[in-house]
Amino acid sequence: MGNNIAIGKRIQELRLKNGLSLTEVANRAGVAKSYISSVEREIQINPSIQFLEKVSNVLGISVDQLVNNKETEDSDPTTLLDEEWLELAKNAMESGVSKEQFRQFLEFQKWQQHNKN
């Protein structure tokens, strides 16, 4: 039971560290905002594994890291990919964009930015 109580505070800590609102986490995870709030406030102390999987995915950590209060190897939240970036990368891969094409696109963007200034 001790771990369950810590989970709510851990979710809140990671959510705030990542600069996410309750609404953003709820929308990205596909769960009710009120439920996340009740977990964070320790009203709901027994969240399901499905809930933990959805929320930990949004927070950029594994369920194990969430439940066992483990730090990620790179705990700088600015280096974690958010769901939208992951989805964009997946879409690019599925549409046949190669890594080399993507690198060329990035280089072109850098060139454009440099020449604007």
N, C-alpha and C. Protein backbone atom coordinates (compact mmCIF):
# COMPACT_ATOMS: atom_id res chain seq x y z
N MET A 1 0.82 -1.20 0.00
CA MET A 1 0.00 0.00 0.00
C MET A 1 0.86 1.26 0.00
N GLY A 2 2.02 1.21 0.61
CA GLY A 2 2.92 2.36 0.65
C GLY A 2 3.31 2.83 -0.74
N ASN A 3 3.57 1.88 -1.66
CA ASN A 3 3.93 2.25 -3.01
C ASN A 3 2.77 2.92 -3.74
N ASN A 4 1.54 2.44 -3.50
CA ASN A 4 0.39 3.04 -4.16
C ASN A 4 0.23 4.50 -3.79
N ILE A 5 0.42 4.82 -2.53
CA ILE A 5 0.29 6.21 -2.11
C ILE A 5 1.37 7.06 -2.77
N ALA A 6 2.58 6.53 -2.86
CA ALA A 6 3.69 7.28 -3.46
C ALA A 6 3.47 7.50 -4.96
N ILE A 7 2.73 6.64 -5.61
CA ILE A 7 2.53 6.75 -7.05
C ILE A 7 1.85 8.06 -7.43
N GLY A 8 0.83 8.44 -6.68
CA GLY A 8 0.12 9.68 -6.98
C GLY A 8 1.02 10.89 -6.90
N LYS A 9 1.81 10.95 -5.86
CA LYS A 9 2.75 12.07 -5.70
C LYS A 9 3.82 12.03 -6.79
N ARG A 10 4.24 10.84 -7.16
CA ARG A 10 5.25 10.68 -8.21
C ARG A 10 4.69 11.15 -9.56
N ILE A 11 3.45 10.80 -9.86
CA ILE A 11 2.82 11.25 -11.11
C ILE A 11 2.77 12.78 -11.13
N GLN A 12 2.34 13.35 -10.02
CA GLN A 12 2.24 14.82 -9.93
C GLN A 12 3.62 15.47 -10.11
N GLU A 13 4.61 14.93 -9.44
CA GLU A 13 5.98 15.46 -9.54
C GLU A 13 6.48 15.42 -10.97
N LEU A 14 6.31 14.28 -11.64
CA LEU A 14 6.78 14.13 -13.02
C LEU A 14 5.97 14.99 -13.98
N ARG A 15 4.69 15.10 -13.74
CA ARG A 15 3.83 15.93 -14.59
C ARG A 15 4.29 17.38 -14.53
N LEU A 16 4.52 17.87 -13.32
CA LEU A 16 4.96 19.25 -13.16
C LEU A 16 6.37 19.47 -13.70
N LYS A 17 7.24 18.48 -13.50
CA LYS A 17 8.61 18.56 -14.00
C LYS A 17 8.62 18.67 -15.52
N ASN A 18 7.66 18.00 -16.16
CA ASN A 18 7.55 18.02 -17.62
C ASN A 18 6.72 19.21 -18.13
N GLY A 19 6.25 20.04 -17.19
CA GLY A 19 5.48 21.22 -17.58
C GLY A 19 4.12 20.89 -18.17
N LEU A 20 3.51 19.80 -17.69
CA LEU A 20 2.22 19.37 -18.23
C LEU A 20 1.09 19.66 -17.24
N SER A 21 -0.03 20.08 -17.76
CA SER A 21 -1.21 20.28 -16.92
C SER A 21 -1.95 18.95 -16.79
N LEU A 22 -2.87 18.91 -15.85
CA LEU A 22 -3.72 17.71 -15.71
C LEU A 22 -4.46 17.44 -17.01
N THR A 23 -4.96 18.49 -17.63
CA THR A 23 -5.71 18.36 -18.88
C THR A 23 -4.84 17.77 -19.99
N GLU A 24 -3.60 18.24 -20.11
CA GLU A 24 -2.70 17.73 -21.15
C GLU A 24 -2.43 16.24 -20.94
N VAL A 25 -2.13 15.86 -19.71
CA VAL A 25 -1.85 14.45 -19.43
C VAL A 25 -3.10 13.61 -19.71
N ALA A 26 -4.24 14.08 -19.25
CA ALA A 26 -5.49 13.35 -19.46
C ALA A 26 -5.77 13.16 -20.95
N ASN A 27 -5.64 14.22 -21.73
CA ASN A 27 -5.90 14.13 -23.16
C ASN A 27 -4.93 13.20 -23.87
N ARG A 28 -3.65 13.31 -23.55
CA ARG A 28 -2.64 12.47 -24.21
C ARG A 28 -2.76 11.00 -23.80
N ALA A 29 -3.15 10.78 -22.54
CA ALA A 29 -3.24 9.40 -22.03
C ALA A 29 -4.61 8.78 -22.32
N GLY A 30 -5.58 9.61 -22.63
CA GLY A 30 -6.93 9.09 -22.87
C GLY A 30 -7.61 8.64 -21.59
N VAL A 31 -7.37 9.37 -20.51
CA VAL A 31 -8.00 9.06 -19.22
C VAL A 31 -8.67 10.32 -18.68
N ALA A 32 -9.55 10.15 -17.72
CA ALA A 32 -10.27 11.29 -17.16
C ALA A 32 -9.36 12.17 -16.30
N LYS A 33 -9.47 13.46 -16.52
CA LYS A 33 -8.70 14.43 -15.74
C LYS A 33 -9.01 14.29 -14.26
N SER A 34 -10.27 14.08 -13.94
CA SER A 34 -10.68 13.94 -12.53
C SER A 34 -10.04 12.72 -11.89
N TYR A 35 -9.85 11.65 -12.68
CA TYR A 35 -9.24 10.44 -12.14
C TYR A 35 -7.76 10.67 -11.83
N ILE A 36 -7.05 11.33 -12.76
CA ILE A 36 -5.64 11.65 -12.51
C ILE A 36 -5.53 12.51 -11.25
N SER A 37 -6.41 13.49 -11.15
CA SER A 37 -6.40 14.37 -9.98
C SER A 37 -6.62 13.58 -8.69
N SER A 38 -7.55 12.64 -8.72
CA SER A 38 -7.83 11.85 -7.51
C SER A 38 -6.66 10.93 -7.15
N VAL A 39 -5.92 10.46 -8.17
CA VAL A 39 -4.73 9.65 -7.90
C VAL A 39 -3.64 10.54 -7.30
N GLU A 40 -3.43 11.71 -7.89
CA GLU A 40 -2.41 12.62 -7.38
C GLU A 40 -2.69 13.07 -5.94
N ARG A 41 -3.97 13.27 -5.63
CA ARG A 41 -4.34 13.73 -4.28
C ARG A 41 -4.52 12.57 -3.31
N GLU A 42 -4.20 11.36 -3.78
CA GLU A 42 -4.23 10.15 -2.97
C GLU A 42 -5.64 9.78 -2.48
N ILE A 43 -6.64 10.22 -3.24
CA ILE A 43 -8.01 9.79 -2.96
C ILE A 43 -8.20 8.40 -3.55
N GLN A 44 -7.70 8.22 -4.77
CA GLN A 44 -7.68 6.92 -5.43
C GLN A 44 -6.27 6.35 -5.24
N ILE A 45 -6.15 5.31 -4.44
CA ILE A 45 -4.81 4.79 -4.13
C ILE A 45 -4.51 3.46 -4.80
N ASN A 46 -5.41 3.01 -5.68
CA ASN A 46 -5.19 1.73 -6.33
C ASN A 46 -5.44 1.83 -7.83
N PRO A 47 -4.62 2.64 -8.54
CA PRO A 47 -4.84 2.78 -9.99
C PRO A 47 -4.51 1.49 -10.74
N SER A 48 -5.21 1.26 -11.82
CA SER A 48 -5.00 0.04 -12.61
C SER A 48 -3.68 0.11 -13.36
N ILE A 49 -3.20 -1.04 -13.77
CA ILE A 49 -1.97 -1.10 -14.55
C ILE A 49 -2.17 -0.42 -15.90
N GLN A 50 -3.36 -0.50 -16.46
CA GLN A 50 -3.65 0.17 -17.73
C GLN A 50 -3.50 1.67 -17.58
N PHE A 51 -4.03 2.21 -16.48
CA PHE A 51 -3.91 3.64 -16.20
C PHE A 51 -2.43 4.02 -16.06
N LEU A 52 -1.68 3.23 -15.29
CA LEU A 52 -0.27 3.51 -15.07
C LEU A 52 0.53 3.45 -16.37
N GLU A 53 0.18 2.50 -17.25
CA GLU A 53 0.86 2.40 -18.55
C GLU A 53 0.61 3.64 -19.39
N LYS A 54 -0.64 4.07 -19.43
CA LYS A 54 -1.00 5.25 -20.24
C LYS A 54 -0.30 6.50 -19.72
N VAL A 55 -0.35 6.71 -18.41
CA VAL A 55 0.22 7.92 -17.82
C VAL A 55 1.75 7.89 -17.89
N SER A 56 2.35 6.75 -17.61
CA SER A 56 3.82 6.68 -17.66
C SER A 56 4.31 6.92 -19.08
N ASN A 57 3.58 6.45 -20.07
CA ASN A 57 3.93 6.69 -21.47
C ASN A 57 3.95 8.19 -21.77
N VAL A 58 2.93 8.90 -21.31
CA VAL A 58 2.86 10.35 -21.51
C VAL A 58 4.02 11.05 -20.79
N LEU A 59 4.37 10.55 -19.62
CA LEU A 59 5.44 11.16 -18.82
C LEU A 59 6.84 10.76 -19.30
N GLY A 60 6.90 9.84 -20.25
CA GLY A 60 8.17 9.46 -20.84
C GLY A 60 9.01 8.52 -19.99
N ILE A 61 8.35 7.74 -19.15
CA ILE A 61 9.07 6.76 -18.33
C ILE A 61 8.33 5.43 -18.38
N SER A 62 8.98 4.39 -17.88
CA SER A 62 8.33 3.08 -17.83
C SER A 62 7.47 2.98 -16.58
N VAL A 63 6.55 2.02 -16.58
CA VAL A 63 5.73 1.78 -15.39
C VAL A 63 6.64 1.42 -14.21
N ASP A 64 7.68 0.63 -14.49
CA ASP A 64 8.62 0.24 -13.44
C ASP A 64 9.27 1.47 -12.81
N GLN A 65 9.69 2.42 -13.64
CA GLN A 65 10.31 3.63 -13.11
C GLN A 65 9.31 4.44 -12.29
N LEU A 66 8.06 4.46 -12.74
CA LEU A 66 7.02 5.19 -12.02
C LEU A 66 6.73 4.54 -10.67
N VAL A 67 6.47 3.25 -10.69
CA VAL A 67 6.08 2.53 -9.48
C VAL A 67 7.21 2.43 -8.47
N ASN A 68 8.41 2.20 -8.97
CA ASN A 68 9.55 2.00 -8.07
C ASN A 68 10.36 3.26 -7.83
N ASN A 69 9.83 4.39 -8.30
CA ASN A 69 10.45 5.69 -8.06
C ASN A 69 11.90 5.73 -8.56
N LYS A 70 12.13 5.13 -9.73
CA LYS A 70 13.47 5.10 -10.32
C LYS A 70 13.62 6.30 -11.24
N GLU A 71 14.80 6.88 -11.22
CA GLU A 71 15.09 7.98 -12.13
C GLU A 71 15.42 7.41 -13.50
N THR A 72 15.12 8.18 -14.53
CA THR A 72 15.52 7.78 -15.87
C THR A 72 17.01 8.03 -16.02
N GLU A 73 17.62 7.38 -16.98
CA GLU A 73 19.05 7.59 -17.21
C GLU A 73 19.34 9.05 -17.49
N ASP A 74 18.48 9.67 -18.26
CA ASP A 74 18.62 11.10 -18.54
C ASP A 74 17.41 11.78 -17.95
N SER A 75 17.54 12.31 -16.76
CA SER A 75 16.38 12.83 -16.05
C SER A 75 16.04 14.26 -16.44
N ASP A 76 16.69 14.81 -17.46
CA ASP A 76 16.35 16.13 -17.95
C ASP A 76 15.08 16.02 -18.79
N PRO A 77 13.94 16.56 -18.30
CA PRO A 77 12.68 16.38 -19.02
C PRO A 77 12.67 17.02 -20.40
N THR A 78 13.54 17.99 -20.65
CA THR A 78 13.56 18.62 -21.96
C THR A 78 14.09 17.69 -23.04
N THR A 79 14.77 16.61 -22.66
CA THR A 79 15.29 15.69 -23.66
C THR A 79 14.34 14.54 -23.94
N LEU A 80 13.26 14.43 -23.18
CA LEU A 80 12.29 13.37 -23.42
C LEU A 80 11.39 13.76 -24.58
N LEU A 81 11.12 12.82 -25.46
CA LEU A 81 10.22 13.09 -26.57
C LEU A 81 8.78 13.04 -26.10
N ASP A 82 8.02 14.04 -26.47
CA ASP A 82 6.61 13.97 -26.11
C ASP A 82 5.86 13.13 -27.14
N GLU A 83 4.63 12.84 -26.85
CA GLU A 83 3.83 11.95 -27.71
C GLU A 83 3.71 12.46 -29.14
N GLU A 84 3.56 13.77 -29.29
CA GLU A 84 3.38 14.32 -30.63
C GLU A 84 4.62 14.09 -31.50
N TRP A 85 5.83 14.27 -30.93
CA TRP A 85 7.05 14.03 -31.68
C TRP A 85 7.18 12.56 -32.03
N LEU A 86 6.85 11.70 -31.09
CA LEU A 86 6.93 10.26 -31.37
C LEU A 86 5.98 9.88 -32.49
N GLU A 87 4.79 10.44 -32.47
CA GLU A 87 3.80 10.15 -33.51
C GLU A 87 4.27 10.65 -34.87
N LEU A 88 4.86 11.85 -34.89
CA LEU A 88 5.39 12.39 -36.14
C LEU A 88 6.50 11.51 -36.70
N ALA A 89 7.39 11.06 -35.84
CA ALA A 89 8.48 10.19 -36.28
C ALA A 89 7.93 8.88 -36.83
N LYS A 90 6.94 8.32 -36.13
CA LYS A 90 6.31 7.07 -36.60
C LYS A 90 5.68 7.27 -37.97
N ASN A 91 4.94 8.37 -38.12
CA ASN A 91 4.28 8.66 -39.40
C ASN A 91 5.30 8.81 -40.51
N ALA A 92 6.40 9.48 -40.23
CA ALA A 92 7.45 9.66 -41.25
C ALA A 92 8.01 8.30 -41.67
N MET A 93 8.30 7.45 -40.69
CA MET A 93 8.83 6.12 -40.99
C MET A 93 7.84 5.30 -41.80
N GLU A 94 6.58 5.34 -41.40
CA GLU A 94 5.55 4.56 -42.09
C GLU A 94 5.32 5.04 -43.51
N SER A 95 5.56 6.33 -43.76
CA SER A 95 5.34 6.86 -45.11
C SER A 95 6.57 6.70 -45.99
N GLY A 96 7.62 6.07 -45.45
CA GLY A 96 8.79 5.76 -46.26
C GLY A 96 9.91 6.77 -46.21
N VAL A 97 9.84 7.76 -45.32
CA VAL A 97 10.93 8.73 -45.19
C VAL A 97 12.11 8.03 -44.52
N SER A 98 13.27 8.08 -45.19
CA SER A 98 14.46 7.44 -44.62
C SER A 98 15.13 8.38 -43.62
N LYS A 99 16.02 7.82 -42.83
CA LYS A 99 16.78 8.64 -41.87
C LYS A 99 17.60 9.69 -42.61
N GLU A 100 18.17 9.29 -43.72
CA GLU A 100 18.99 10.21 -44.51
C GLU A 100 18.15 11.36 -45.06
N GLN A 101 16.94 11.06 -45.55
CA GLN A 101 16.05 12.11 -46.04
C GLN A 101 15.68 13.07 -44.91
N PHE A 102 15.44 12.52 -43.75
CA PHE A 102 15.07 13.35 -42.60
C PHE A 102 16.25 14.24 -42.20
N ARG A 103 17.47 13.66 -42.20
CA ARG A 103 18.68 14.46 -41.89
C ARG A 103 18.84 15.60 -42.90
N GLN A 104 18.61 15.30 -44.18
CA GLN A 104 18.72 16.33 -45.21
C GLN A 104 17.69 17.43 -44.99
N PHE A 105 16.49 17.05 -44.60
CA PHE A 105 15.46 18.04 -44.31
C PHE A 105 15.89 18.94 -43.16
N LEU A 106 16.44 18.34 -42.10
CA LEU A 106 16.90 19.13 -40.95
C LEU A 106 18.02 20.08 -41.34
N GLU A 107 18.95 19.59 -42.14
CA GLU A 107 20.04 20.45 -42.59
C GLU A 107 19.51 21.61 -43.43
N PHE A 108 18.53 21.32 -44.28
CA PHE A 108 17.92 22.37 -45.09
C PHE A 108 17.24 23.42 -44.20
N GLN A 109 16.54 22.95 -43.16
CA GLN A 109 15.88 23.88 -42.24
C GLN A 109 16.91 24.76 -41.53
N LYS A 110 18.02 24.15 -41.10
CA LYS A 110 19.08 24.93 -40.45
C LYS A 110 19.65 25.96 -41.42
N TRP A 111 19.88 25.56 -42.69
CA TRP A 111 20.39 26.46 -43.71
C TRP A 111 19.44 27.64 -43.91
N GLN A 112 18.13 27.31 -44.01
CA GLN A 112 17.13 28.36 -44.21
C GLN A 112 17.14 29.34 -43.04
N GLN A 113 17.17 28.82 -41.82
CA GLN A 113 17.18 29.69 -40.64
C GLN A 113 18.42 30.58 -40.63
N HIS A 114 19.55 29.99 -40.95
CA HIS A 114 20.81 30.74 -40.97
C HIS A 114 20.77 31.86 -42.00
N ASN A 115 20.18 31.58 -43.16
CA ASN A 115 20.13 32.58 -44.24
C ASN A 115 19.06 33.63 -44.02
N LYS A 116 18.11 33.37 -43.14
CA LYS A 116 17.10 34.38 -42.80
C LYS A 116 17.75 35.51 -42.00
N ASN A 117 18.68 35.13 -41.14
CA ASN A 117 19.30 36.10 -40.23
C ASN A 117 20.39 36.80 -40.90
